[in-house]
Amino acid sequence: MNQNIKDDEGKSRDEIIRMLEGLAPPDLAEPFDSGRIGLIVEGKPKITKICTCLDVTPAVVQAAIKMKADILIAHHTPIWNPLTSIGGSDARLLSKILSNELNIYVMHTNWDHAIGGVNDILADILGLTDTVSMSLGLVGSVTKNLKEIAEILHAPLRVWGDISSLKRLAIAAGSGFDIEIIKEAEKLGADAYLSAELRHSVYRSSPIPLLESTHYALESPSMRVLAQNNGWDYLDDPPMLHEIS
């Protein structure tokens, strides 16, 4: 990581943006992220309190305001589609953000692809070693069993297929169940592939067993670690998930 920028130092917004661009260069982002990363909402020019989050939800914004944050660094943009009118939940959320001069900065697929970013951090918390990069995500040696993986992620783990041996695990944080990437993982020796939001057709076409966790469980560690490494605050807002069997 780059030099830490801790709370109360009073850095300019531009200084912090340069630091964040060093961690996750914008040119690493996928083309569909054009206009959806970087400074999405402009607020105060001077920053003394920094928070991170996965999603810019009303609860997260309220927590950031309560903590007197000047910038909220998110993985997912709060404005995915262009707005031609502002009303309802968009108006309520943006009103709180703008009235409190809260900067919103987004690191999305550039953070996914960055060295030390989303997938590297996920691999680290799962204890993967001897990692090899894929077009998205990576493959590494794993010593944890399925129960231990679920416990680390603090989320349910659905197993699609029969896993007789798990020595090499492929991971792609977020919605990474792409059949071409799964085939790439198999060629790199993966015994199974971990991601989120699996479609039935992808499972039927997969050459290896698939492990399905939640989007939040796989991507939130990167924003939590980003905060921890820099003396910032991570604002947790996991989805409400109930399993009925």
Protein backbone atom coordinates (compact mmCIF):
# COMPACT_ATOMS: atom_id res chain seq x y z
CA MET A 1 0.00 0.00 0.00
CA ASN A 2 1.02 3.62 -0.50
CA GLN A 3 1.76 5.99 2.35
CA ASN A 4 -1.18 6.14 4.72
CA ILE A 5 -3.42 9.18 4.83
CA LYS A 6 -4.93 9.09 8.29
CA ASP A 7 -7.88 10.97 9.74
CA ASP A 8 -7.30 14.50 11.02
CA GLU A 9 -4.26 15.18 8.83
CA GLY A 10 -6.28 17.55 6.69
CA LYS A 11 -5.35 16.47 3.16
CA SER A 12 -6.85 17.97 0.03
CA ARG A 13 -9.35 15.92 -1.94
CA ASP A 14 -6.97 15.93 -4.92
CA GLU A 15 -4.16 14.44 -2.81
CA ILE A 16 -6.39 11.59 -1.70
CA ILE A 17 -7.65 10.97 -5.23
CA ARG A 18 -4.05 10.72 -6.46
CA MET A 19 -3.34 8.18 -3.73
CA LEU A 20 -6.43 6.13 -4.64
CA GLU A 21 -5.56 6.23 -8.34
CA GLY A 22 -2.13 4.87 -7.42
CA LEU A 23 -3.79 1.91 -5.70
CA ALA A 24 -6.39 1.31 -8.44
CA PRO A 25 -5.37 3.04 -11.69
CA PRO A 26 -8.49 4.09 -13.62
CA ASP A 27 -7.16 2.61 -16.85
CA LEU A 28 -7.54 -0.88 -15.31
CA ALA A 29 -11.32 -0.49 -15.30
CA GLU A 30 -13.54 -2.40 -17.72
CA PRO A 31 -15.04 -0.29 -20.57
CA PHE A 32 -18.54 -0.51 -19.08
CA ASP A 33 -17.26 1.40 -16.03
CA SER A 34 -16.63 4.54 -18.08
CA GLY A 35 -18.12 7.45 -16.14
CA ARG A 36 -18.90 5.20 -13.16
CA ILE A 37 -15.60 5.36 -11.27
CA GLY A 38 -13.61 8.13 -9.68
CA LEU A 39 -15.21 11.18 -8.04
CA ILE A 40 -18.91 10.48 -8.57
CA VAL A 41 -20.22 13.17 -6.19
CA GLU A 42 -18.14 16.26 -5.40
CA GLY A 43 -18.16 17.58 -1.85
CA LYS A 44 -15.72 19.33 0.48
CA PRO A 45 -12.28 20.11 -0.99
CA LYS A 46 -10.48 19.43 2.32
CA ILE A 47 -10.58 15.94 3.82
CA THR A 48 -10.05 15.13 7.50
CA LYS A 49 -12.29 12.07 7.92
CA ILE A 50 -12.39 9.12 5.51
CA CYS A 51 -14.75 6.14 5.40
CA THR A 52 -15.01 3.18 3.05
CA CYS A 53 -17.93 0.92 2.14
CA LEU A 54 -19.02 -1.60 -0.44
CA ASP A 55 -22.36 0.02 -1.35
CA VAL A 56 -23.52 3.60 -0.93
CA THR A 57 -26.75 2.71 0.87
CA PRO A 58 -28.91 5.09 2.96
CA ALA A 59 -27.63 3.39 6.13
CA VAL A 60 -24.01 3.83 5.07
CA VAL A 61 -24.52 7.48 4.12
CA GLN A 62 -26.22 8.17 7.44
CA ALA A 63 -23.34 6.51 9.32
CA ALA A 64 -20.79 8.51 7.32
CA ILE A 65 -22.60 11.75 8.12
CA LYS A 66 -22.81 10.85 11.80
CA MET A 67 -19.05 10.24 11.83
CA LYS A 68 -18.52 13.60 10.07
CA ALA A 69 -16.82 11.94 7.11
CA ASP A 70 -15.66 14.17 4.27
CA ILE A 71 -15.24 11.39 1.71
CA LEU A 72 -16.84 7.99 1.30
CA ILE A 73 -14.81 5.55 -0.80
CA ALA A 74 -17.08 2.88 -2.29
CA HIS A 75 -16.70 -0.14 -4.53
CA HIS A 76 -20.11 0.20 -6.19
CA THR A 77 -21.34 3.48 -7.61
CA PRO A 78 -24.63 4.87 -6.28
CA ILE A 79 -25.47 6.10 -9.80
CA TRP A 80 -25.28 3.17 -12.20
CA ASN A 81 -27.64 4.47 -14.90
CA PRO A 82 -27.66 8.08 -16.16
CA LEU A 83 -30.28 10.17 -14.36
CA THR A 84 -32.69 12.19 -16.50
CA SER A 85 -34.77 13.08 -13.45
CA ILE A 86 -34.11 12.88 -9.71
CA GLY A 87 -36.88 11.67 -7.47
CA GLY A 88 -37.83 9.03 -4.93
CA SER A 89 -34.96 7.10 -3.33
CA ASP A 90 -32.37 8.74 -5.62
CA ALA A 91 -33.47 12.20 -4.47
CA ARG A 92 -33.46 11.22 -0.81
CA LEU A 93 -30.00 9.67 -1.00
CA LEU A 94 -28.40 12.43 -3.07
CA SER A 95 -30.02 15.12 -0.94
CA LYS A 96 -28.27 13.78 2.18
CA ILE A 97 -24.96 13.42 0.35
CA LEU A 98 -25.03 16.89 -1.21
CA SER A 99 -26.38 18.76 1.82
CA ASN A 100 -23.50 17.37 3.90
CA GLU A 101 -20.90 18.03 1.18
CA LEU A 102 -19.87 14.36 1.26
CA ASN A 103 -17.51 13.32 -1.52
CA ILE A 104 -18.28 9.92 -3.07
CA TYR A 105 -15.32 8.21 -4.74
CA VAL A 106 -15.76 4.86 -6.52
CA MET A 107 -13.16 2.14 -7.18
CA HIS A 108 -14.90 -0.66 -9.09
CA THR A 109 -13.40 -2.90 -11.78
CA ASN A 110 -10.11 -1.00 -11.55
CA TRP A 111 -9.95 -2.19 -7.91
CA ASP A 112 -10.92 -5.71 -9.05
CA HIS A 113 -7.94 -5.83 -11.42
CA ALA A 114 -5.44 -3.93 -9.27
CA ILE A 115 -2.44 -5.60 -7.65
CA GLY A 116 -3.33 -5.78 -3.97
CA GLY A 117 -6.97 -5.14 -4.81
CA VAL A 118 -10.23 -7.05 -4.40
CA ASN A 119 -9.12 -10.51 -5.49
CA ASP A 120 -5.66 -10.36 -3.91
CA ILE A 121 -7.22 -9.38 -0.58
CA LEU A 122 -9.82 -12.16 -0.85
CA ALA A 123 -7.04 -14.66 -1.61
CA ASP A 124 -5.11 -13.42 1.41
CA ILE A 125 -7.98 -13.84 3.88
CA LEU A 126 -8.64 -17.34 2.50
CA GLY A 127 -4.96 -18.21 2.89
CA LEU A 128 -4.34 -19.00 -0.79
CA THR A 129 -0.72 -19.48 -1.82
CA ASP A 130 1.16 -20.02 -5.09
CA THR A 131 -1.38 -17.84 -6.88
CA VAL A 132 -1.69 -17.43 -10.64
CA SER A 133 -3.70 -14.58 -12.17
CA MET A 134 -6.62 -15.14 -14.53
CA SER A 135 -8.40 -12.66 -16.83
CA LEU A 136 -10.49 -11.95 -13.72
CA GLY A 137 -9.52 -13.32 -10.33
CA LEU A 138 -6.86 -15.91 -9.62
CA VAL A 139 -6.11 -19.55 -8.77
CA GLY A 140 -4.20 -20.57 -5.67
CA SER A 141 -3.40 -23.47 -3.38
CA VAL A 142 -5.87 -23.84 -0.53
CA THR A 143 -5.60 -25.67 2.80
CA LYS A 144 -9.00 -24.65 4.19
CA ASN A 145 -12.00 -26.96 3.91
CA LEU A 146 -15.42 -25.78 2.75
CA LYS A 147 -16.72 -25.17 6.27
CA GLU A 148 -13.68 -23.09 7.14
CA ILE A 149 -14.08 -21.05 3.95
CA ALA A 150 -17.72 -20.30 4.83
CA GLU A 151 -16.71 -19.28 8.35
CA ILE A 152 -14.03 -16.92 7.05
CA LEU A 153 -16.51 -15.31 4.66
CA HIS A 154 -19.24 -15.04 7.33
CA ALA A 155 -21.75 -16.14 4.71
CA PRO A 156 -23.45 -19.29 3.42
CA LEU A 157 -21.54 -21.35 0.87
CA ARG A 158 -23.48 -23.30 -1.75
CA VAL A 159 -21.62 -26.17 -3.42
CA TRP A 160 -22.62 -27.00 -7.00
CA GLY A 161 -21.15 -30.33 -8.06
CA ASP A 162 -19.12 -32.99 -6.30
CA ILE A 163 -15.77 -31.93 -4.83
CA SER A 164 -13.65 -35.01 -4.17
CA SER A 165 -10.47 -33.04 -3.55
CA LEU A 166 -9.83 -29.33 -3.03
CA LYS A 167 -6.19 -28.38 -3.43
CA ARG A 168 -6.38 -25.53 -5.94
CA LEU A 169 -9.17 -22.96 -5.71
CA ALA A 170 -10.12 -20.32 -8.27
CA ILE A 171 -11.70 -17.11 -6.99
CA ALA A 172 -13.41 -14.21 -8.73
CA ALA A 173 -14.94 -11.76 -6.28
CA GLY A 174 -18.35 -10.37 -7.16
CA SER A 175 -20.41 -11.70 -10.06
CA GLY A 176 -17.61 -13.70 -11.65
CA PHE A 177 -19.37 -16.83 -12.88
CA ASP A 178 -18.34 -16.44 -16.51
CA ILE A 179 -17.99 -19.76 -18.34
CA GLU A 180 -14.86 -18.69 -20.22
CA ILE A 181 -13.12 -17.68 -16.98
CA ILE A 182 -14.22 -20.95 -15.37
CA LYS A 183 -12.65 -22.87 -18.27
CA GLU A 184 -9.50 -20.78 -17.83
CA ALA A 185 -9.47 -21.75 -14.15
CA GLU A 186 -9.76 -25.44 -15.04
CA LYS A 187 -6.78 -25.17 -17.40
CA LEU A 188 -4.79 -23.62 -14.56
CA GLY A 189 -5.51 -26.65 -12.39
CA ALA A 190 -8.41 -25.39 -10.25
CA ASP A 191 -10.47 -28.07 -8.50
CA ALA A 192 -13.32 -25.63 -7.87
CA TYR A 193 -14.30 -22.02 -8.58
CA LEU A 194 -15.63 -19.52 -6.02
CA SER A 195 -17.74 -16.51 -6.94
CA ALA A 196 -21.26 -15.07 -6.50
CA GLU A 197 -24.62 -14.90 -8.28
CA LEU A 198 -24.53 -18.14 -10.25
CA ARG A 199 -26.86 -18.72 -13.20
CA HIS A 200 -28.25 -22.21 -13.78
CA SER A 201 -26.98 -22.32 -17.37
CA VAL A 202 -23.43 -21.55 -16.26
CA TYR A 203 -23.49 -24.35 -13.70
CA ARG A 204 -24.72 -26.82 -16.34
CA SER A 205 -21.83 -25.84 -18.63
CA SER A 206 -19.11 -25.76 -15.97
CA PRO A 207 -16.25 -28.29 -16.26
CA ILE A 208 -15.49 -28.02 -12.51
CA PRO A 209 -17.55 -27.72 -9.29
CA LEU A 210 -18.68 -24.23 -8.35
CA LEU A 211 -18.80 -22.59 -4.92
CA GLU A 212 -21.36 -19.82 -4.55
CA SER A 213 -21.10 -17.24 -1.79
CA THR A 214 -22.63 -13.76 -1.66
CA HIS A 215 -21.49 -10.72 -3.58
CA TYR A 216 -21.08 -8.80 -0.32
CA ALA A 217 -19.04 -11.52 1.40
CA LEU A 218 -16.53 -11.73 -1.44
CA GLU A 219 -16.01 -8.03 -2.12
CA SER A 220 -16.47 -6.29 1.23
CA PRO A 221 -13.14 -7.59 2.65
CA SER A 222 -11.23 -5.43 0.18
CA MET A 223 -12.92 -2.23 1.38
CA ARG A 224 -12.51 -3.26 5.01
CA VAL A 225 -8.79 -3.96 4.55
CA LEU A 226 -8.34 -0.71 2.60
CA ALA A 227 -9.74 1.15 5.61
CA GLN A 228 -7.68 -0.83 8.15
CA ASN A 229 -4.43 -0.29 6.26
CA ASN A 230 -4.93 3.47 6.16
CA GLY A 231 -6.43 4.22 9.55
CA TRP A 232 -9.90 4.91 8.12
CA ASP A 233 -13.32 3.53 9.09
CA TYR A 234 -15.16 0.79 7.22
CA LEU A 235 -18.96 1.11 7.28
CA ASP A 236 -20.50 -2.36 7.30
CA ASP A 237 -23.97 -2.85 5.82
CA PRO A 238 -24.41 -6.54 4.92
CA PRO A 239 -27.59 -7.68 3.18
CA MET A 240 -30.32 -9.28 5.27
CA LEU A 241 -30.08 -12.98 4.36
CA HIS A 242 -32.18 -15.76 5.86
CA GLU A 243 -31.84 -19.40 4.85
CA ILE A 244 -34.92 -21.62 4.91
CA SER A 245 -34.44 -25.29 4.18
